[in-house]
């Protein structure tokens, strides 16, 4: 087994780029933490080399990203009244985000932009090599994780796909996003968080990608429910649409969908332990939402999953009204056309069962009764 060395990886990235500023003096310590975790995973030589290449790519990308901000007026870019879609994973937020992105008056992040942000993409030509590279990356990702195209058919857009907000801080070494770490045989892991620092990077990425382009309203999607204070501190004029779904179905779907990703990456998964860990992490979120005062912030529009799937465009129309925006006829037409041409089962039907839950279903229904009552959610019955 080849042991990775954090100091060497950092120094090599600086030497290869001729740059030294990561924009954060604490970054090397986080790289060391990730490297320690990788070394303890006992990767074989192939895995260690893949990890080294991945770390180098993230470090060199960050060095170039920070250098761009030193030579261009990126900090002057104004990010005004962004719209965020949020909710627990497997609650329909990706479809919501995809529909919001169909409005020509809006701009969404694209994977190729956040995977290769330097130099700022601006009005990049259709033959920008970064588009081709990101497409190739995504084909490799889907080869590594075959079930992902079924559970998340939006991946068929490849490099033009819509990343979650969390992907904008992949090079901050606080989380091993699968779209950044797919070459490494390891499970997805999170490391100590700093929400304000992460949203600072998020804003920097938006400024980077907006630079030299016509300013449009940003439409974004991520799992922001446990970071609301930092989000609103960073974007005081933001508006959020939050989809709420029956926690029991969310948990069961998460276990299967994310378990498939992790097993594809790591090659092995203790499904019983994984189910227990997933339950423990996600149930904490559902309970936290009942006591966090920011959940009641007037800038958040809460909607029920049942209502969203019943009429997604009408739900978005309600959110636009809430945000003081007009849903144009052209935008509505584009959203309905998207629904007509992008069936969720176009690569096969994603299936899961509450049988994967390590806790009796009725016990979970009882546990989450207060959450369902707070957001007006019925127990979801699947057929």
Protein backbone atom coordinates (compact mmCIF):
# COMPACT_ATOMS: atom_id res chain seq x y z
CA UNK A 1 0.00 0.00 0.00
CA UNK A 2 1.30 3.43 -0.98
CA UNK A 3 0.93 5.93 1.85
CA UNK A 4 -0.22 9.41 0.92
CA UNK A 5 1.52 12.44 2.38
CA UNK A 6 -0.49 15.66 2.71
CA UNK A 7 2.49 18.02 2.81
CA UNK A 8 3.92 16.50 -0.36
CA UNK A 9 0.58 16.73 -2.17
CA UNK A 10 0.17 20.39 -1.23
CA UNK A 11 3.75 21.26 -2.23
CA UNK A 12 3.45 19.39 -5.55
CA UNK A 13 0.28 21.29 -6.45
CA UNK A 14 1.95 24.60 -5.67
CA UNK A 15 5.04 23.67 -7.67
CA UNK A 16 3.13 22.46 -10.73
CA UNK A 17 1.00 25.61 -10.91
CA UNK A 18 3.59 28.12 -9.78
CA UNK A 19 0.96 29.38 -7.33
CA UNK A 20 0.97 29.31 -3.55
CA UNK A 21 -2.22 30.97 -2.25
CA UNK A 22 -5.15 28.67 -1.42
CA UNK A 23 -7.15 31.59 -0.09
CA UNK A 24 -7.35 29.90 3.31
CA UNK A 25 -4.41 29.12 5.56
CA UNK A 26 -6.39 26.33 7.26
CA UNK A 27 -6.82 24.32 4.04
CA UNK A 28 -3.63 22.19 4.42
CA UNK A 29 -4.88 20.97 7.81
CA UNK A 30 -8.09 19.74 6.18
CA UNK A 31 -6.13 18.06 3.42
CA UNK A 32 -4.12 16.28 6.13
CA UNK A 33 -7.35 15.11 7.79
CA UNK A 34 -8.65 13.67 4.51
CA UNK A 35 -5.30 12.02 3.82
CA UNK A 36 -5.27 10.43 7.27
CA UNK A 37 -8.73 8.99 6.58
CA UNK A 38 -7.60 7.67 3.21
CA UNK A 39 -4.49 6.07 4.65
CA UNK A 40 -6.54 4.39 7.36
CA UNK A 41 -8.82 2.94 4.65
CA UNK A 42 -5.89 0.78 3.49
CA UNK A 43 -6.32 1.54 -0.20
CA UNK A 44 -4.30 -0.56 -2.60
CA UNK A 45 -1.72 1.12 -4.84
CA UNK A 46 -4.25 1.79 -7.58
CA UNK A 47 -6.62 3.38 -5.09
CA UNK A 48 -3.86 5.46 -3.52
CA UNK A 49 -2.77 6.76 -6.92
CA UNK A 50 -6.37 7.64 -7.75
CA UNK A 51 -6.67 9.48 -4.44
CA UNK A 52 -3.44 11.37 -5.09
CA UNK A 53 -4.65 12.44 -8.55
CA UNK A 54 -8.00 13.51 -7.13
CA UNK A 55 -6.40 15.57 -4.37
CA UNK A 56 -3.98 17.15 -6.84
CA UNK A 57 -6.82 18.08 -9.15
CA UNK A 58 -8.77 19.75 -6.35
CA UNK A 59 -5.72 21.59 -5.03
CA UNK A 60 -4.58 22.87 -8.43
CA UNK A 61 -8.14 23.91 -9.27
CA UNK A 62 -8.35 25.89 -6.05
CA UNK A 63 -5.00 27.58 -6.59
CA UNK A 64 -6.05 28.71 -10.06
CA UNK A 65 -9.47 29.77 -8.77
CA UNK A 66 -7.91 32.00 -6.11
CA UNK A 67 -5.38 33.39 -8.59
CA UNK A 68 -8.24 34.38 -10.91
CA UNK A 69 -9.69 36.50 -8.11
CA UNK A 70 -6.38 38.25 -7.75
CA UNK A 71 -6.20 39.33 -11.39
CA UNK A 72 -9.86 39.92 -12.24
CA UNK A 73 -12.58 42.06 -10.57
CA UNK A 74 -14.61 39.00 -9.62
CA UNK A 75 -15.41 40.26 -6.12
CA UNK A 76 -17.35 43.12 -7.69
CA UNK A 77 -19.92 40.77 -9.22
CA UNK A 78 -23.30 41.30 -7.57
CA UNK A 79 -25.31 38.20 -6.66
CA UNK A 80 -28.84 39.51 -6.25
CA UNK A 81 -31.90 37.76 -4.79
CA UNK A 82 -30.95 34.16 -5.59
CA UNK A 83 -33.57 31.42 -5.42
CA UNK A 84 -32.76 28.19 -3.58
CA UNK A 85 -34.57 24.87 -3.72
CA UNK A 86 -34.04 22.69 -0.68
CA UNK A 87 -35.39 19.70 1.20
CA UNK A 88 -34.08 16.39 2.40
CA UNK A 89 -32.44 14.23 -0.28
CA UNK A 90 -35.03 12.17 -2.21
CA UNK A 91 -37.75 14.79 -1.82
CA UNK A 92 -38.05 15.92 -5.43
CA UNK A 93 -35.69 18.88 -5.17
CA UNK A 94 -33.68 17.94 -8.27
CA UNK A 95 -36.78 18.01 -10.45
CA UNK A 96 -37.76 21.31 -8.85
CA UNK A 97 -34.31 22.72 -9.62
CA UNK A 98 -34.40 21.43 -13.19
CA UNK A 99 -37.73 23.15 -13.79
CA UNK A 100 -36.56 26.42 -12.26
CA UNK A 101 -33.56 26.29 -14.61
CA UNK A 102 -35.90 26.14 -17.63
CA UNK A 103 -36.82 29.80 -17.11
CA UNK A 104 -34.74 31.86 -19.56
CA UNK A 105 -34.62 34.65 -17.00
CA UNK A 106 -32.64 32.45 -14.63
CA UNK A 107 -29.17 30.94 -14.52
CA UNK A 108 -28.18 27.64 -12.90
CA UNK A 109 -24.78 26.20 -12.18
CA UNK A 110 -23.53 23.54 -14.61
CA UNK A 111 -21.24 20.71 -13.66
CA UNK A 112 -18.56 21.59 -16.20
CA UNK A 113 -18.35 25.08 -14.72
CA UNK A 114 -17.84 24.00 -11.12
CA UNK A 115 -15.59 21.07 -12.04
CA UNK A 116 -13.32 23.34 -14.10
CA UNK A 117 -14.02 26.92 -12.99
CA UNK A 118 -10.70 28.47 -14.00
CA UNK A 119 -10.49 30.63 -15.98
CA UNK A 120 -13.99 32.06 -15.43
CA UNK A 121 -16.13 30.40 -18.10
CA UNK A 122 -17.94 33.58 -19.16
CA UNK A 123 -19.72 33.21 -22.49
CA UNK A 124 -17.71 30.08 -23.26
CA UNK A 125 -17.86 28.69 -26.77
CA UNK A 126 -19.75 25.48 -27.35
CA UNK A 127 -16.40 23.86 -28.15
CA UNK A 128 -14.77 24.89 -24.86
CA UNK A 129 -12.68 21.80 -24.00
CA UNK A 130 -13.91 21.88 -20.42
CA UNK A 131 -17.36 20.87 -21.61
CA UNK A 132 -15.93 17.83 -23.38
CA UNK A 133 -13.77 16.95 -20.39
CA UNK A 134 -16.69 17.14 -17.98
CA UNK A 135 -18.79 14.97 -20.31
CA UNK A 136 -16.01 12.39 -20.33
CA UNK A 137 -15.76 12.61 -16.54
CA UNK A 138 -19.46 11.95 -16.20
CA UNK A 139 -19.34 8.96 -18.50
CA UNK A 140 -16.61 7.58 -16.28
CA UNK A 141 -18.66 8.35 -13.17
CA UNK A 142 -21.68 6.54 -14.55
CA UNK A 143 -19.51 3.58 -15.54
CA UNK A 144 -18.34 3.41 -11.93
CA UNK A 145 -21.85 3.89 -10.49
CA UNK A 146 -24.31 2.23 -12.92
CA UNK A 147 -27.38 2.50 -10.62
CA UNK A 148 -27.02 6.29 -10.35
CA UNK A 149 -28.57 6.98 -13.76
CA UNK A 150 -31.70 5.11 -12.60
CA UNK A 151 -32.05 6.76 -9.19
CA UNK A 152 -30.99 10.14 -10.59
CA UNK A 153 -31.78 10.25 -14.34
CA UNK A 154 -30.78 13.92 -14.51
CA UNK A 155 -27.20 12.66 -14.75
CA UNK A 156 -27.85 12.10 -18.45
CA UNK A 157 -26.97 15.76 -19.03
CA UNK A 158 -23.37 14.83 -18.18
CA UNK A 159 -21.23 17.96 -17.88
CA UNK A 160 -24.20 20.21 -18.58
CA UNK A 161 -26.03 18.77 -15.58
CA UNK A 162 -27.12 20.77 -12.56
CA UNK A 163 -24.86 20.34 -9.52
CA UNK A 164 -25.99 20.80 -5.96
CA UNK A 165 -24.62 23.82 -4.12
CA UNK A 166 -22.38 21.52 -2.09
CA UNK A 167 -20.33 20.81 -5.21
CA UNK A 168 -19.10 24.42 -5.25
CA UNK A 169 -16.94 23.75 -2.20
CA UNK A 170 -15.59 20.35 -3.23
CA UNK A 171 -12.08 21.82 -3.25
CA UNK A 172 -12.51 22.89 0.37
CA UNK A 173 -11.95 19.31 1.64
CA UNK A 174 -14.97 19.25 3.95
CA UNK A 175 -16.89 16.57 2.04
CA UNK A 176 -16.03 13.86 -0.47
CA UNK A 177 -18.64 14.62 -3.13
CA UNK A 178 -19.02 11.58 -5.42
CA UNK A 179 -18.69 13.75 -8.55
CA UNK A 180 -15.23 14.78 -7.34
CA UNK A 181 -14.04 11.58 -5.67
CA UNK A 182 -15.49 8.87 -7.94
CA UNK A 183 -12.09 7.48 -8.90
CA UNK A 184 -11.26 6.63 -5.29
CA UNK A 185 -12.59 3.35 -3.81
CA UNK A 186 -14.07 4.86 -0.67
CA UNK A 187 -17.47 5.69 0.80
CA UNK A 188 -18.73 9.26 0.84
CA UNK A 189 -17.61 11.01 4.00
CA UNK A 190 -18.12 14.38 5.64
CA UNK A 191 -15.52 16.25 7.63
CA UNK A 192 -15.81 19.15 10.11
CA UNK A 193 -17.97 21.90 8.64
CA UNK A 194 -17.76 25.69 8.63
CA UNK A 195 -20.98 26.84 7.07
CA UNK A 196 -20.07 30.50 6.74
CA UNK A 197 -16.77 29.62 5.06
CA UNK A 198 -18.60 27.27 2.70
CA UNK A 199 -21.14 29.90 1.67
CA UNK A 200 -18.32 32.36 1.15
CA UNK A 201 -16.86 29.91 -1.37
CA UNK A 202 -20.31 29.39 -2.84
CA UNK A 203 -20.67 33.13 -3.49
CA UNK A 204 -17.18 33.24 -4.97
CA UNK A 205 -18.11 30.45 -7.37
CA UNK A 206 -21.25 32.29 -8.47
CA UNK A 207 -19.21 35.44 -9.04
CA UNK A 208 -16.66 33.43 -10.99
CA UNK A 209 -19.23 31.93 -13.30
CA UNK A 210 -21.28 35.10 -13.68
CA UNK A 211 -18.25 37.21 -14.65
CA UNK A 212 -18.58 38.81 -18.12
CA UNK A 213 -22.04 37.32 -18.60
CA UNK A 214 -25.40 39.05 -18.64
CA UNK A 215 -26.62 39.09 -15.06
CA UNK A 216 -29.54 36.76 -14.45
CA UNK A 217 -31.37 35.50 -11.40
CA UNK A 218 -29.54 32.51 -9.90
CA UNK A 219 -31.58 29.35 -9.25
CA UNK A 220 -29.76 26.91 -6.99
CA UNK A 221 -30.32 23.68 -5.12
CA UNK A 222 -28.71 22.10 -2.11
CA UNK A 223 -29.39 20.60 1.29
CA UNK A 224 -29.50 23.87 3.18
CA UNK A 225 -31.92 23.06 5.99
CA UNK A 226 -29.23 22.76 8.67
CA UNK A 227 -27.31 25.82 7.43
CA UNK A 228 -30.05 28.45 7.22
CA UNK A 229 -28.38 31.04 9.41
CA UNK A 230 -25.20 30.97 7.34
CA UNK A 231 -27.17 31.00 4.08
CA UNK A 232 -29.17 34.08 5.05
CA UNK A 233 -26.08 35.79 6.48
CA UNK A 234 -24.46 35.28 3.07
CA UNK A 235 -27.55 36.00 0.96
CA UNK A 236 -29.94 38.21 2.97
CA UNK A 237 -32.19 38.70 -0.07
CA UNK A 238 -32.44 35.00 -0.94
CA UNK A 239 -35.76 33.18 -1.19
CA UNK A 240 -36.04 29.45 -0.50
CA UNK A 241 -38.61 26.90 -1.60
CA UNK A 242 -38.49 23.90 0.74
CA UNK A 243 -40.14 20.61 -0.16
CA UNK A 244 -41.28 18.41 2.72
CA UNK A 245 -41.93 14.69 2.29
CA UNK A 246 -42.93 11.84 4.58
CA UNK A 247 -39.70 11.08 6.50
CA UNK A 248 -40.23 7.32 6.33
CA UNK A 249 -40.18 7.34 2.53
CA UNK A 250 -37.25 9.76 2.48
CA UNK A 251 -35.17 7.51 4.73
CA UNK A 252 -35.93 4.32 2.82
CA UNK A 253 -35.15 5.97 -0.52
CA UNK A 254 -31.92 7.47 0.83
CA UNK A 255 -30.68 4.15 2.14
CA UNK A 256 -31.10 2.46 -1.24
CA UNK A 257 -30.02 5.33 -3.52
CA UNK A 258 -26.99 6.42 -1.54
CA UNK A 259 -26.11 2.87 -0.57
CA UNK A 260 -25.90 1.98 -4.26
CA UNK A 261 -23.54 4.90 -4.87
CA UNK A 262 -21.31 4.00 -1.96
CA UNK A 263 -21.21 0.32 -2.81
CA UNK A 264 -20.30 1.11 -6.42
CA UNK A 265 -17.46 3.34 -5.28
CA UNK A 266 -16.09 1.27 -2.42
CA UNK A 267 -16.88 -2.16 -3.84
CA UNK A 268 -18.34 -3.34 -0.56
CA UNK A 269 -20.94 -2.08 1.87
CA UNK A 270 -22.29 -3.32 5.17
CA UNK A 271 -25.92 -2.57 4.31
CA UNK A 272 -27.17 -3.11 7.87
CA UNK A 273 -24.67 -0.66 9.31
CA UNK A 274 -25.23 1.75 6.44
CA UNK A 275 -28.98 1.75 7.06
CA UNK A 276 -28.44 2.43 10.75
CA UNK A 277 -26.03 5.27 10.04
CA UNK A 278 -28.37 6.83 7.48
CA UNK A 279 -31.31 6.68 9.84
CA UNK A 280 -29.30 8.25 12.62
CA UNK A 281 -28.04 11.15 10.52
CA UNK A 282 -31.29 11.98 8.76
CA UNK A 283 -33.62 11.63 11.74
CA UNK A 284 -31.47 14.25 13.48
CA UNK A 285 -32.29 16.66 10.64
CA UNK A 286 -36.04 16.10 10.87
CA UNK A 287 -36.03 16.73 14.61
CA UNK A 288 -33.80 19.80 14.29
CA UNK A 289 -36.24 21.48 11.92
CA UNK A 290 -38.83 21.60 14.69
CA UNK A 291 -36.66 23.74 16.96
CA UNK A 292 -34.62 25.88 14.55
CA UNK A 293 -36.14 29.39 14.51
CA UNK A 294 -34.78 29.96 11.01
CA UNK A 295 -37.19 27.31 9.67
CA UNK A 296 -39.95 29.88 10.25
CA UNK A 297 -38.07 32.66 8.47
CA UNK A 298 -40.46 34.62 6.21
CA UNK A 299 -38.04 34.19 3.30
CA UNK A 300 -38.85 30.46 3.14
CA UNK A 301 -41.78 29.05 1.17
CA UNK A 302 -42.70 25.59 2.48
CA UNK A 303 -44.46 23.16 0.14
CA UNK A 304 -45.63 19.58 0.44
CA UNK A 305 -44.10 16.90 -1.76
CA UNK A 306 -47.57 15.60 -2.55
CA UNK A 307 -48.58 19.00 -3.93
CA UNK A 308 -45.36 19.38 -5.87
CA UNK A 309 -45.58 16.03 -7.66
CA UNK A 310 -49.28 16.61 -8.34
CA UNK A 311 -48.58 19.83 -10.26
CA UNK A 312 -44.92 20.89 -10.30
CA UNK A 313 -45.45 24.00 -12.44
CA UNK A 314 -48.30 25.28 -10.28
CA UNK A 315 -46.08 24.78 -7.23
CA UNK A 316 -43.37 26.86 -8.87
CA UNK A 317 -45.95 29.49 -9.76
CA UNK A 318 -46.81 29.70 -6.07
CA UNK A 319 -43.15 30.11 -5.19
CA UNK A 320 -42.74 32.85 -7.80
CA UNK A 321 -45.71 34.68 -6.29
CA UNK A 322 -44.13 34.31 -2.86
CA UNK A 323 -40.83 35.72 -4.17
CA UNK A 324 -42.52 38.61 -5.95
CA UNK A 325 -41.73 37.24 -9.40
CA UNK A 326 -43.79 36.63 -12.50
CA UNK A 327 -43.94 33.19 -14.09
CA UNK A 328 -44.03 34.08 -17.77
CA UNK A 329 -45.95 32.10 -20.35
CA UNK A 330 -42.67 31.16 -22.05
CA UNK A 331 -41.19 29.89 -18.78
CA UNK A 332 -44.29 27.87 -17.99
CA UNK A 333 -44.27 26.40 -21.49
CA UNK A 334 -40.61 25.43 -21.14
CA UNK A 335 -41.22 23.78 -17.77
CA UNK A 336 -44.17 21.76 -19.07
CA UNK A 337 -42.15 20.72 -22.12
CA UNK A 338 -39.39 19.52 -19.80
CA UNK A 339 -41.88 17.37 -17.89
CA UNK A 340 -43.19 15.90 -21.15
CA UNK A 341 -39.75 14.92 -22.45
CA UNK A 342 -37.95 13.86 -19.27
CA UNK A 343 -39.78 10.98 -17.66
CA UNK A 344 -38.30 10.00 -14.32
CA UNK A 345 -38.18 6.33 -15.35
CA UNK A 346 -36.44 6.87 -18.67
CA UNK A 347 -33.54 4.63 -17.60
CA UNK A 348 -35.64 2.22 -15.61
CA UNK A 349 -37.74 2.61 -12.50
CA UNK A 350 -35.92 3.26 -9.26
CA UNK A 351 -37.37 0.92 -6.68
CA UNK A 352 -37.00 0.73 -2.94
CA UNK A 353 -38.95 -0.59 -0.01
CA UNK A 354 -39.38 0.34 3.63
CA UNK A 355 -38.09 -3.18 4.30
CA UNK A 356 -34.58 -1.67 4.28
CA UNK A 357 -35.36 0.39 7.36
CA UNK A 358 -33.61 -0.91 10.51
CA UNK A 359 -36.42 0.46 12.70
CA UNK A 360 -40.09 -0.65 12.61
CA UNK A 361 -42.06 1.57 10.23
CA UNK A 362 -44.80 2.35 12.75
CA UNK A 363 -42.18 3.39 15.29
CA UNK A 364 -40.81 5.88 12.75
CA UNK A 365 -44.29 7.16 11.92
CA UNK A 366 -44.82 7.82 15.61
CA UNK A 367 -41.42 9.43 15.97
CA UNK A 368 -42.01 11.84 13.09
CA UNK A 369 -45.63 12.69 13.88
CA UNK A 370 -44.71 16.18 15.08
CA UNK A 371 -42.79 16.86 11.87
CA UNK A 372 -45.69 15.70 9.71
CA UNK A 373 -48.10 17.86 11.69
CA UNK A 374 -45.84 20.92 11.50
CA UNK A 375 -45.65 20.78 7.70
CA UNK A 376 -49.04 19.23 6.96
CA UNK A 377 -47.64 15.98 5.55
CA UNK A 378 -49.67 12.81 5.22
CA UNK A 379 -48.18 9.36 5.65
CA UNK A 380 -47.18 8.42 2.11
CA UNK A 381 -48.52 5.13 0.80
CA UNK A 382 -46.63 3.66 -2.15
CA UNK A 383 -48.17 1.29 -4.65
